[in-house]
Amino acid sequence: MPDLWLPGAEVHDLGDHAPTDQQYPPKAIAHITWDRNATAAAPQDWCTYEELVGYFTGSGAGDAPHLVWDPFSGRTAQLLPADSRSKSLLSPAESPTRTNRAGRVVIQIEAVFFPYCRYQGRVYPRLVDTPCAGWGRIHAWIASWGVPDVWPMGRPVDFSGHRDESVWETRGGWYAHAHVPFNDHTDPGSWPDLTAGGGTQDPPPSQQHPAPPGDTTPARYQVSINGLPYGYGAQGYQVTAVGQALVSHGFGDHYRSGPGPTWTDADTENYADYQGSLGYSGQAADGVPGSGSLNRLLGYLPGQRSVSVSHVVSAARTDPGAEQGHRTYGSEVAIVEQALVDEGLLEQRWVDGSFGSRTVAAYAAWQRRCGYQAGAADGIPGQASLQRLGAARGFAVTD
């Protein structure tokens, strides 16, 4: 099965996954964000990639695509896995298809661009006038999902609409937003050539300067997964979590003093050994995590150090009675578990994102340390005790 997540993309999983309608052929939909109206006579400053990612992971989540792509730098954020529908198309009740689902995959890409945007002092009338950095990587990944290199309704060259329900339902390939039935948008206006790169997968921006032949220095670049950095020089609790998980899985031979919160060459070498055990090879086993291997190692993807009281309470009430290893809110629970380890109340091997019976017992011990007794020390987090743990171990607590 192809990768659900574009290799090298910044993963911001929105959840809310839903299947597509498999009776239709696979498709990719080309969009531009068109967040400002500019003209040749009155260009406007480009709206940044960070702003658009923030929008689609916040108030605009209801219109989110699979990919948000910066054609100037090649940075790409992925919000939903390839096998889920996304939400960038109108799908009115009168449409014969659920447009966001009408294919074995319906992968939607939003290029962060509007006509006559001004970027670093230069004005770009069309998307194809930009560097289109990272396009080959995106194209190859989408091709791996069986999307043919054809435009059934023609490659977009202007902002006119052309919609044909019969073609939409029966032919796979690339579609402009301007081609999708029962939609009114006319973007993207232009799109990179599908033959550019010949389907080869150009490396993400962090890997565009590979080591020279014969160089045995471990990989020294970083990636961002779920908003956190990984790779040489990265710092944070997530680095410690990876190192400790590598050791517990038997991949700690390169450590001399054990894992810590700063990513070193030893972390890279150990992670490369782990990637090799999964069957990865070449650049895919260079010791810098991808979201797929990281999820397999930890059982969850770490997130920013913020914990919701209601989430961990739900986990503490649900996980112990569920199937072994069940994770209700894995990334947040793992933050609490690591804090309990750091307080000497839980063994490192039980940091797995599941608020099971051992975590409940460890949290009860923390509550007793805070002065609670009897039923008030039942292992179910409360606002006050969780805030004290967060203050002690450096994470934020929300309701």
Protein backbone atom coordinates (compact mmCIF):
# COMPACT_ATOMS: atom_id res chain seq x y z
CA MET A 1 0.00 0.00 0.00
CA PRO A 2 1.38 3.50 -0.80
CA ASP A 3 2.20 5.89 2.03
CA LEU A 4 -0.88 7.45 3.57
CA TRP A 5 1.20 10.53 4.38
CA LEU A 6 3.38 12.37 1.88
CA PRO A 7 7.03 11.68 2.83
CA GLY A 8 8.61 14.85 4.17
CA ALA A 9 5.30 16.64 4.75
CA GLU A 10 4.50 18.40 8.02
CA VAL A 11 1.68 16.36 9.50
CA HIS A 12 -1.23 18.23 11.11
CA ASP A 13 -3.78 15.44 11.31
CA LEU A 14 -7.25 16.96 11.72
CA GLY A 15 -8.86 13.61 12.51
CA ASP A 16 -12.40 13.32 11.19
CA HIS A 17 -11.29 10.75 8.62
CA ALA A 18 -13.94 9.33 6.31
CA PRO A 19 -13.82 6.83 3.42
CA THR A 20 -14.16 7.69 -0.24
CA ASP A 21 -16.60 6.15 -2.70
CA GLN A 22 -14.62 3.32 -4.24
CA GLN A 23 -16.82 2.82 -7.32
CA TYR A 24 -15.29 5.91 -8.96
CA PRO A 25 -11.77 6.16 -10.47
CA PRO A 26 -8.93 7.86 -8.54
CA LYS A 27 -8.59 11.63 -8.78
CA ALA A 28 -6.46 14.57 -7.69
CA ILE A 29 -7.94 18.06 -7.46
CA ALA A 30 -5.83 21.19 -8.05
CA HIS A 31 -6.63 24.36 -6.09
CA ILE A 32 -5.02 27.66 -5.25
CA THR A 33 -5.87 29.37 -1.97
CA TRP A 34 -6.76 32.66 -3.74
CA ASP A 35 -6.95 34.38 -0.38
CA ARG A 36 -6.50 37.89 -1.84
CA ASN A 37 -7.67 39.67 -4.98
CA ALA A 38 -4.82 41.39 -6.80
CA THR A 39 -4.26 42.63 -10.34
CA ALA A 40 -1.29 43.40 -12.57
CA ALA A 41 -1.81 47.07 -11.75
CA ALA A 42 -2.28 46.45 -8.02
CA PRO A 43 -0.33 43.39 -6.85
CA GLN A 44 -0.52 42.36 -3.20
CA ASP A 45 1.89 40.69 -0.80
CA TRP A 46 1.72 36.91 -0.73
CA CYS A 47 -0.23 35.39 2.16
CA THR A 48 2.21 33.16 4.01
CA TYR A 49 2.21 29.39 4.20
CA GLU A 50 2.05 29.58 8.00
CA GLU A 51 -1.10 31.71 7.83
CA LEU A 52 -2.84 29.27 5.51
CA VAL A 53 -1.84 26.22 7.54
CA GLY A 54 -3.12 28.02 10.62
CA TYR A 55 -6.40 28.75 8.88
CA PHE A 56 -6.99 25.17 7.68
CA THR A 57 -6.08 23.72 11.07
CA GLY A 58 -8.32 26.26 12.82
CA SER A 59 -11.44 28.05 11.68
CA GLY A 60 -11.10 26.74 8.11
CA ALA A 61 -10.91 23.04 9.03
CA GLY A 62 -14.36 22.55 7.51
CA ASP A 63 -12.88 23.40 4.09
CA ALA A 64 -9.54 21.66 4.54
CA PRO A 65 -7.71 19.90 1.69
CA HIS A 66 -5.29 17.01 2.04
CA LEU A 67 -2.21 19.12 1.26
CA VAL A 68 -1.27 22.77 1.72
CA TRP A 69 1.68 23.43 -0.58
CA ASP A 70 4.09 26.39 -0.60
CA PRO A 71 5.32 26.55 -4.22
CA PHE A 72 8.12 28.95 -3.27
CA SER A 73 9.88 26.83 -0.62
CA GLY A 74 8.39 23.37 -1.22
CA ARG A 75 7.05 23.12 2.33
CA THR A 76 3.93 20.99 2.45
CA ALA A 77 1.48 20.34 5.28
CA GLN A 78 -0.80 17.31 5.22
CA LEU A 79 -4.07 17.49 7.12
CA LEU A 80 -5.75 14.18 6.23
CA PRO A 81 -4.45 10.80 5.03
CA ALA A 82 -4.69 9.92 1.36
CA ASP A 83 -7.45 7.35 1.85
CA SER A 84 -9.78 9.83 3.58
CA ARG A 85 -11.96 12.41 1.90
CA SER A 86 -11.09 16.03 2.52
CA LYS A 87 -13.46 19.00 2.37
CA SER A 88 -12.36 21.55 -0.23
CA LEU A 89 -15.18 20.93 -2.71
CA LEU A 90 -18.83 21.88 -2.59
CA SER A 91 -21.00 18.78 -2.44
CA PRO A 92 -24.64 19.91 -2.65
CA ALA A 93 -27.54 17.52 -2.29
CA GLU A 94 -28.40 17.75 -6.00
CA SER A 95 -24.95 16.45 -7.05
CA PRO A 96 -25.07 12.81 -8.29
CA THR A 97 -21.74 12.20 -6.51
CA ARG A 98 -20.37 13.20 -3.16
CA THR A 99 -17.70 15.28 -4.83
CA ASN A 100 -15.14 15.10 -2.02
CA ARG A 101 -15.45 11.30 -2.05
CA ALA A 102 -15.94 10.52 -5.77
CA GLY A 103 -12.93 8.27 -6.33
CA ARG A 104 -10.82 5.49 -4.89
CA VAL A 105 -8.82 8.49 -3.70
CA VAL A 106 -9.74 12.16 -4.16
CA ILE A 107 -6.53 13.90 -3.12
CA GLN A 108 -6.86 17.68 -2.93
CA ILE A 109 -3.93 20.09 -3.08
CA GLU A 110 -4.13 23.78 -2.19
CA ALA A 111 -1.17 25.76 -3.55
CA VAL A 112 -0.57 28.83 -1.37
CA PHE A 113 -0.93 31.30 -4.21
CA PHE A 114 -3.12 33.99 -5.76
CA PRO A 115 -2.63 35.71 -9.13
CA TYR A 116 -0.31 38.73 -9.03
CA CYS A 117 1.00 37.97 -5.58
CA ARG A 118 4.23 39.70 -4.58
CA TYR A 119 6.87 37.43 -3.02
CA GLN A 120 10.24 38.87 -1.96
CA GLY A 121 9.74 41.85 -4.23
CA ARG A 122 8.75 39.95 -7.37
CA VAL A 123 5.20 39.64 -8.75
CA TYR A 124 3.94 36.26 -9.98
CA PRO A 125 0.91 36.33 -12.31
CA ARG A 126 0.42 32.53 -12.48
CA LEU A 127 1.21 29.57 -10.28
CA VAL A 128 3.48 28.13 -12.99
CA ASP A 129 5.59 31.31 -12.82
CA THR A 130 6.67 30.38 -9.27
CA PRO A 131 9.52 27.92 -8.64
CA CYS A 132 6.92 25.18 -7.99
CA ALA A 133 9.38 23.82 -5.44
CA GLY A 134 8.53 20.34 -4.21
CA TRP A 135 6.13 19.63 -7.07
CA GLY A 136 7.93 16.47 -8.20
CA ARG A 137 7.65 14.96 -4.73
CA ILE A 138 3.91 15.69 -4.54
CA HIS A 139 3.30 14.43 -8.07
CA ALA A 140 5.15 11.16 -7.48
CA TRP A 141 3.26 10.48 -4.26
CA ILE A 142 -0.11 11.10 -5.87
CA ALA A 143 0.87 8.91 -8.83
CA SER A 144 1.68 6.13 -6.34
CA TRP A 145 -2.04 6.13 -5.46
CA GLY A 146 -2.96 5.26 -9.03
CA VAL A 147 -4.00 8.74 -10.20
CA PRO A 148 -3.27 8.83 -13.96
CA ASP A 149 -1.17 11.63 -15.44
CA VAL A 150 -4.04 13.05 -17.51
CA TRP A 151 -6.41 16.02 -17.35
CA PRO A 152 -9.75 14.54 -18.50
CA MET A 153 -11.21 18.02 -18.97
CA GLY A 154 -7.98 19.66 -20.13
CA ARG A 155 -5.01 21.15 -18.31
CA PRO A 156 -6.02 24.48 -16.73
CA VAL A 157 -4.60 27.47 -18.60
CA ASP A 158 -7.01 30.22 -17.52
CA PHE A 159 -9.83 30.91 -15.06
CA SER A 160 -12.71 29.57 -17.08
CA GLY A 161 -14.94 26.75 -15.89
CA HIS A 162 -15.52 23.50 -17.78
CA ARG A 163 -17.63 20.85 -16.07
CA ASP A 164 -18.88 17.51 -17.37
CA GLU A 165 -20.65 15.14 -14.98
CA SER A 166 -20.13 12.08 -17.19
CA VAL A 167 -16.36 12.65 -17.46
CA TRP A 168 -16.15 13.33 -13.73
CA GLU A 169 -17.84 10.05 -12.86
CA THR A 170 -16.02 7.81 -15.34
CA ARG A 171 -12.45 9.05 -15.80
CA GLY A 172 -9.59 9.16 -13.33
CA GLY A 173 -6.82 11.75 -13.37
CA TRP A 174 -6.22 15.38 -12.48
CA TYR A 175 -9.03 17.90 -12.25
CA ALA A 176 -8.95 21.64 -11.69
CA HIS A 177 -11.40 23.00 -9.17
CA ALA A 178 -12.86 24.66 -12.27
CA HIS A 179 -13.75 21.19 -13.60
CA VAL A 180 -15.69 19.81 -10.63
CA PRO A 181 -19.46 19.57 -11.21
CA PHE A 182 -21.77 21.55 -8.91
CA ASN A 183 -18.87 23.81 -7.87
CA ASP A 184 -18.46 27.45 -8.84
CA HIS A 185 -14.74 28.13 -8.30
CA THR A 186 -12.58 28.58 -11.39
CA ASP A 187 -9.11 28.03 -9.94
CA PRO A 188 -6.24 27.20 -10.22
CA GLY A 189 -5.72 28.96 -13.57
CA SER A 190 -2.50 27.04 -14.23
CA TRP A 191 -0.75 23.99 -12.82
CA PRO A 192 2.72 22.43 -13.17
CA ASP A 193 3.27 20.02 -16.03
CA LEU A 194 2.41 16.43 -15.09
CA THR A 195 5.38 15.23 -17.16
CA ALA A 196 7.82 17.41 -15.23
CA GLY A 197 10.05 15.13 -13.24
CA GLY A 198 8.68 12.08 -15.05
CA GLY A 199 7.03 10.80 -11.89
CA THR A 200 10.29 10.74 -9.98
CA GLN A 201 10.19 11.81 -6.37
CA ASP A 202 12.36 14.86 -5.82
CA PRO A 203 13.50 15.17 -2.21
CA PRO A 204 11.81 17.44 0.31
CA PRO A 205 13.54 20.79 0.93
CA SER A 206 15.42 19.41 3.94
CA GLN A 207 17.02 16.73 1.76
CA GLN A 208 17.96 18.69 -1.35
CA HIS A 209 21.65 18.71 -0.46
CA PRO A 210 22.55 15.04 0.00
CA ALA A 211 25.89 13.98 1.40
CA PRO A 212 28.60 13.37 -1.22
CA PRO A 213 29.30 9.74 -2.21
CA GLY A 214 31.30 7.91 0.42
CA ASP A 215 30.39 10.36 3.20
CA THR A 216 29.44 8.32 6.26
CA THR A 217 28.32 11.28 8.38
CA PRO A 218 24.79 10.62 9.73
CA ALA A 219 21.99 12.67 8.19
CA ARG A 220 21.88 16.16 9.67
CA TYR A 221 18.61 17.76 8.68
CA GLN A 222 15.30 18.19 10.50
CA VAL A 223 11.68 17.45 9.69
CA SER A 224 8.53 18.66 11.41
CA ILE A 225 5.88 16.10 12.35
CA ASN A 226 2.70 17.28 14.04
CA GLY A 227 4.38 20.62 14.71
CA LEU A 228 7.45 19.19 16.49
CA PRO A 229 11.02 18.91 15.15
CA TYR A 230 12.99 15.69 14.67
CA GLY A 231 16.51 15.15 13.39
CA TYR A 232 19.96 16.48 14.29
CA GLY A 233 19.80 19.35 16.78
CA ALA A 234 16.05 19.07 17.47
CA GLN A 235 15.11 19.58 21.10
CA GLY A 236 12.14 18.72 23.26
CA TYR A 237 10.30 16.05 25.13
CA GLN A 238 9.48 14.26 21.88
CA VAL A 239 13.19 13.62 21.30
CA THR A 240 13.48 11.94 24.68
CA ALA A 241 10.35 9.89 23.97
CA VAL A 242 11.82 8.63 20.68
CA GLY A 243 15.15 7.73 22.27
CA GLN A 244 13.56 5.88 25.14
CA ALA A 245 11.27 3.99 22.77
CA LEU A 246 14.24 3.01 20.59
CA VAL A 247 16.03 1.61 23.64
CA SER A 248 12.95 -0.32 24.76
CA HIS A 249 12.65 -1.83 21.25
CA GLY A 250 16.31 -2.88 21.25
CA PHE A 251 17.73 -0.09 19.07
CA GLY A 252 19.97 1.77 21.50
CA ASP A 253 23.42 0.46 20.59
CA HIS A 254 24.79 3.84 19.50
CA TYR A 255 24.03 5.64 22.77
CA ARG A 256 26.92 6.16 25.15
CA SER A 257 25.03 7.99 27.89
CA GLY A 258 21.44 7.20 27.04
CA PRO A 259 18.77 9.24 25.23
CA GLY A 260 18.04 12.83 26.14
CA PRO A 261 16.07 15.87 24.97
CA THR A 262 18.55 16.91 22.21
CA TRP A 263 18.74 14.88 18.98
CA THR A 264 22.32 13.75 18.34
CA ASP A 265 24.04 11.57 15.76
CA ALA A 266 23.44 8.62 18.07
CA ASP A 267 19.68 9.16 17.84
CA THR A 268 19.96 9.25 14.05
CA GLU A 269 22.01 6.06 13.91
CA ASN A 270 19.66 4.21 16.25
CA TYR A 271 16.62 5.40 14.31
CA ALA A 272 18.23 4.25 11.07
CA ASP A 273 18.64 0.78 12.59
CA TYR A 274 14.95 0.84 13.52
CA GLN A 275 13.93 1.95 10.01
CA GLY A 276 15.99 -0.90 8.59
CA SER A 277 14.09 -3.36 10.79
CA LEU A 278 10.87 -2.13 9.13
CA GLY A 279 12.25 -2.93 5.70
CA TYR A 280 13.16 0.65 4.71
CA SER A 281 16.36 1.21 2.76
CA GLY A 282 18.38 4.01 1.15
CA GLN A 283 17.23 7.55 1.93
CA ALA A 284 14.10 6.15 3.59
CA ALA A 285 16.37 4.62 6.25
CA ASP A 286 18.66 7.60 6.87
CA GLY A 287 17.70 7.88 10.54
CA VAL A 288 15.37 10.88 10.30
CA PRO A 289 11.77 9.96 11.21
CA GLY A 290 8.78 9.97 8.95
CA SER A 291 5.28 10.06 10.38
CA GLY A 292 4.60 6.40 9.51
CA SER A 293 7.65 4.93 11.22
CA LEU A 294 7.29 7.30 14.18
CA ASN A 295 3.69 6.24 14.73
CA ARG A 296 4.75 2.59 14.59
CA LEU A 297 7.52 3.19 17.13
CA LEU A 298 5.49 5.17 19.67
CA GLY A 299 1.92 4.17 18.89
CA TYR A 300 0.98 7.86 18.55
CA LEU A 301 2.37 11.11 17.13
CA PRO A 302 3.59 13.50 19.84
CA GLY A 303 2.04 16.95 19.81
CA GLN A 304 2.67 20.30 21.44
CA ARG A 305 3.02 20.09 25.21
CA SER A 306 -0.56 20.91 26.07
CA VAL A 307 -2.96 18.59 27.87
CA SER A 308 -6.71 18.89 28.17
CA VAL A 309 -8.15 17.88 31.54
CA SER A 310 -11.30 16.53 29.91
CA HIS A 311 -9.26 14.45 27.45
CA VAL A 312 -7.07 12.76 30.03
CA VAL A 313 -10.04 12.18 32.34
CA SER A 314 -11.81 10.47 29.45
CA ALA A 315 -8.72 8.37 28.77
CA ALA A 316 -8.34 7.42 32.44
CA ARG A 317 -11.95 6.23 32.54
CA THR A 318 -11.87 4.46 29.16
CA ASP A 319 -8.44 2.92 28.56
CA PRO A 320 -8.17 0.55 31.56
CA GLY A 321 -11.30 -1.36 30.56
CA ALA A 322 -10.65 -1.28 26.82
CA GLU A 323 -8.55 -3.57 24.67
CA GLN A 324 -4.90 -3.77 25.76
CA GLY A 325 -3.04 -0.68 24.51
CA HIS A 326 -6.19 1.29 23.63
CA ARG A 327 -5.36 5.00 23.27
CA THR A 328 -8.18 7.47 23.73
CA TYR A 329 -5.97 10.58 23.54
CA GLY A 330 -2.54 9.06 23.01
CA SER A 331 -0.37 12.12 22.49
CA GLU A 332 -1.74 13.95 25.54
CA VAL A 333 -1.67 10.87 27.77
CA ALA A 334 1.96 10.27 26.80
CA ILE A 335 2.85 13.75 28.07
CA VAL A 336 1.27 12.93 31.45
CA GLU A 337 2.94 9.52 31.54
CA GLN A 338 6.37 10.98 30.81
CA ALA A 339 5.84 13.52 33.61
CA LEU A 340 4.98 10.66 35.99
CA VAL A 341 8.17 8.87 34.91
CA ASP A 342 10.18 12.02 35.58
CA GLU A 343 8.59 12.15 39.04
CA GLY A 344 9.72 8.57 39.69
CA LEU A 345 6.17 7.20 39.82
CA LEU A 346 6.00 5.17 36.58
CA GLU A 347 8.44 2.98 34.69
CA GLN A 348 9.59 4.31 31.33
CA ARG A 349 8.38 1.23 29.47
CA TRP A 350 4.76 2.16 30.29
CA VAL A 351 4.90 5.48 28.41
CA ASP A 352 2.73 4.32 25.52
CA GLY A 353 -0.13 6.84 25.30
CA SER A 354 -2.61 4.46 26.93
CA PHE A 355 -3.97 5.55 30.34
CA GLY A 356 -4.04 1.97 31.57
CA SER A 357 -4.13 0.59 35.09
CA ARG A 358 -0.43 1.25 35.75
CA THR A 359 -0.82 4.88 34.73
CA VAL A 360 -3.91 5.19 36.91
CA ALA A 361 -1.91 3.79 39.86
CA ALA A 362 0.99 6.15 39.15
CA TYR A 363 -1.33 9.14 38.94
CA ALA A 364 -2.95 8.11 42.24
CA ALA A 365 0.52 8.15 43.75
CA TRP A 366 0.99 11.69 42.38
CA GLN A 367 -2.32 12.75 43.90
CA ARG A 368 -1.22 11.39 47.28
CA ARG A 369 2.04 13.29 46.91
CA CYS A 370 -0.09 16.40 46.39
CA GLY A 371 -1.85 15.71 49.69
CA TYR A 372 -5.05 14.05 48.46
CA GLN A 373 -6.37 11.05 50.33
CA ALA A 374 -8.86 8.20 49.94
CA GLY A 375 -11.32 8.75 47.09
CA ALA A 376 -9.62 12.01 46.09
CA ALA A 377 -6.55 9.96 45.14
CA ASP A 378 -8.28 7.57 42.75
CA GLY A 379 -5.90 8.06 39.79
CA ILE A 380 -8.41 10.08 37.75
CA PRO A 381 -6.79 13.46 37.02
CA GLY A 382 -8.32 16.62 38.38
CA GLN A 383 -7.66 20.19 37.31
CA ALA A 384 -5.55 21.14 40.33
CA SER A 385 -3.36 18.03 40.47
CA LEU A 386 -2.81 18.07 36.70
CA GLN A 387 -1.83 21.74 36.79
CA ARG A 388 0.69 20.99 39.54
CA LEU A 389 2.16 18.18 37.44
CA GLY A 390 2.27 20.45 34.40
CA ALA A 391 3.99 23.20 36.34
CA ALA A 392 6.54 20.71 37.65
CA ARG A 393 7.25 19.12 34.27
CA GLY A 394 6.68 21.87 31.74
CA PHE A 395 3.39 21.32 29.97
CA ALA A 396 0.29 23.48 29.71
CA VAL A 397 -3.12 22.39 30.98
CA THR A 398 -6.40 23.38 29.39
CA ASP A 399 -9.99 22.55 30.35
